[in-house]
């Protein structure tokens, strides 16, 4: 069996894009995990923001994804924070979160 080595240089516009690219390569391509875009975004933000309490991270992730004005919406903000928490829990159950923590 012959193995071809491929070298590809990619210019990315932000740290989030770079981390997302690494996660896609590791989790989706190599480990064959099925992740949706929001999961990749939350995992990338978790990697970039570093260790912090879950409640603080979920709030920061919601502000990053939906904008600063979501903090003033009393009805939608708690729902969005719970959505982030649920997605992280689902990723943790599928054993992708422990791999992300290695990037910290």
Protein backbone atom coordinates (compact mmCIF):
# COMPACT_ATOMS: atom_id res chain seq x y z
CA UNK A 1 0.00 0.00 0.00
CA UNK A 2 1.34 3.40 -0.94
CA UNK A 3 0.64 6.45 1.19
CA UNK A 4 0.76 9.89 -0.35
CA UNK A 5 1.64 12.82 1.87
CA UNK A 6 -0.29 16.02 1.24
CA UNK A 7 0.93 19.39 2.44
CA UNK A 8 -1.57 22.23 2.30
CA UNK A 9 -1.07 25.76 3.56
CA UNK A 10 -4.18 27.66 4.54
CA UNK A 11 -4.46 31.31 5.56
CA UNK A 12 -7.15 31.76 8.17
CA UNK A 13 -8.69 35.07 9.18
CA UNK A 14 -9.01 34.56 12.94
CA UNK A 15 -7.99 32.43 15.89
CA UNK A 16 -11.50 30.96 15.95
CA UNK A 17 -11.16 29.81 12.34
CA UNK A 18 -7.76 28.25 13.06
CA UNK A 19 -9.02 26.32 16.05
CA UNK A 20 -12.16 25.27 14.17
CA UNK A 21 -9.98 23.99 11.32
CA UNK A 22 -7.91 21.93 13.77
CA UNK A 23 -11.06 20.49 15.35
CA UNK A 24 -12.54 19.62 11.97
CA UNK A 25 -9.33 17.87 11.00
CA UNK A 26 -9.05 15.94 14.27
CA UNK A 27 -12.65 15.15 15.16
CA UNK A 28 -14.54 15.09 11.89
CA UNK A 29 -11.94 13.88 9.41
CA UNK A 30 -9.68 11.60 11.48
CA UNK A 31 -12.06 10.37 14.21
CA UNK A 32 -15.23 10.34 12.06
CA UNK A 33 -17.31 12.25 14.61
CA UNK A 34 -20.48 13.90 13.34
CA UNK A 35 -20.56 17.47 14.64
CA UNK A 36 -22.74 20.35 13.59
CA UNK A 37 -21.35 23.84 13.07
CA UNK A 38 -22.59 25.16 16.42
CA UNK A 39 -20.82 22.31 18.24
CA UNK A 40 -17.59 23.21 16.48
CA UNK A 41 -18.08 26.88 17.35
CA UNK A 42 -18.66 26.13 21.05
CA UNK A 43 -15.68 23.76 21.21
CA UNK A 44 -13.50 26.36 19.49
CA UNK A 45 -14.60 29.06 21.91
CA UNK A 46 -13.96 26.72 24.83
CA UNK A 47 -10.45 26.12 23.55
CA UNK A 48 -9.74 29.82 23.04
CA UNK A 49 -11.28 31.10 26.29
CA UNK A 50 -9.54 28.54 28.46
CA UNK A 51 -10.66 27.16 31.80
CA UNK A 52 -13.59 28.99 33.40
CA UNK A 53 -16.81 28.08 35.20
CA UNK A 54 -19.43 26.55 32.90
CA UNK A 55 -22.01 29.26 33.62
CA UNK A 56 -19.56 32.02 32.65
CA UNK A 57 -18.50 30.20 29.50
CA UNK A 58 -22.08 29.64 28.36
CA UNK A 59 -22.89 33.32 28.84
CA UNK A 60 -19.75 34.39 26.94
CA UNK A 61 -20.52 31.93 24.12
CA UNK A 62 -24.07 33.26 23.78
CA UNK A 63 -22.80 36.84 23.63
CA UNK A 64 -20.20 35.87 21.01
CA UNK A 65 -22.67 33.99 18.80
CA UNK A 66 -25.78 36.17 19.18
CA UNK A 67 -24.32 39.59 20.01
CA UNK A 68 -24.33 41.88 23.02
CA UNK A 69 -28.04 42.75 22.69
CA UNK A 70 -29.04 39.19 23.71
CA UNK A 71 -28.13 40.09 27.32
CA UNK A 72 -31.07 42.51 27.45
CA UNK A 73 -33.62 39.98 26.16
CA UNK A 74 -34.94 38.41 29.34
CA UNK A 75 -36.90 35.68 27.53
CA UNK A 76 -34.30 34.47 25.02
CA UNK A 77 -31.07 34.77 27.02
CA UNK A 78 -31.69 31.91 29.52
CA UNK A 79 -32.87 29.66 26.69
CA UNK A 80 -29.73 30.33 24.65
CA UNK A 81 -27.46 29.70 27.67
CA UNK A 82 -29.23 26.39 28.32
CA UNK A 83 -28.85 25.48 24.65
CA UNK A 84 -25.08 25.97 24.85
CA UNK A 85 -24.95 23.87 28.02
CA UNK A 86 -27.01 21.11 26.36
CA UNK A 87 -24.79 21.06 23.26
CA UNK A 88 -21.63 20.83 25.39
CA UNK A 89 -23.16 18.00 27.39
CA UNK A 90 -24.05 16.13 24.21
CA UNK A 91 -20.49 16.57 22.91
CA UNK A 92 -19.09 15.43 26.28
CA UNK A 93 -21.21 12.29 26.16
CA UNK A 94 -19.86 11.54 22.69
CA UNK A 95 -16.33 11.88 24.10
CA UNK A 96 -15.28 14.83 21.95
CA UNK A 97 -14.94 17.28 24.81
CA UNK A 98 -12.02 15.51 26.48
CA UNK A 99 -10.11 15.80 23.20
CA UNK A 100 -10.80 19.53 23.07
CA UNK A 101 -9.47 20.03 26.56
CA UNK A 102 -6.09 18.79 25.34
CA UNK A 103 -5.82 21.95 23.22
CA UNK A 104 -6.05 24.20 26.32
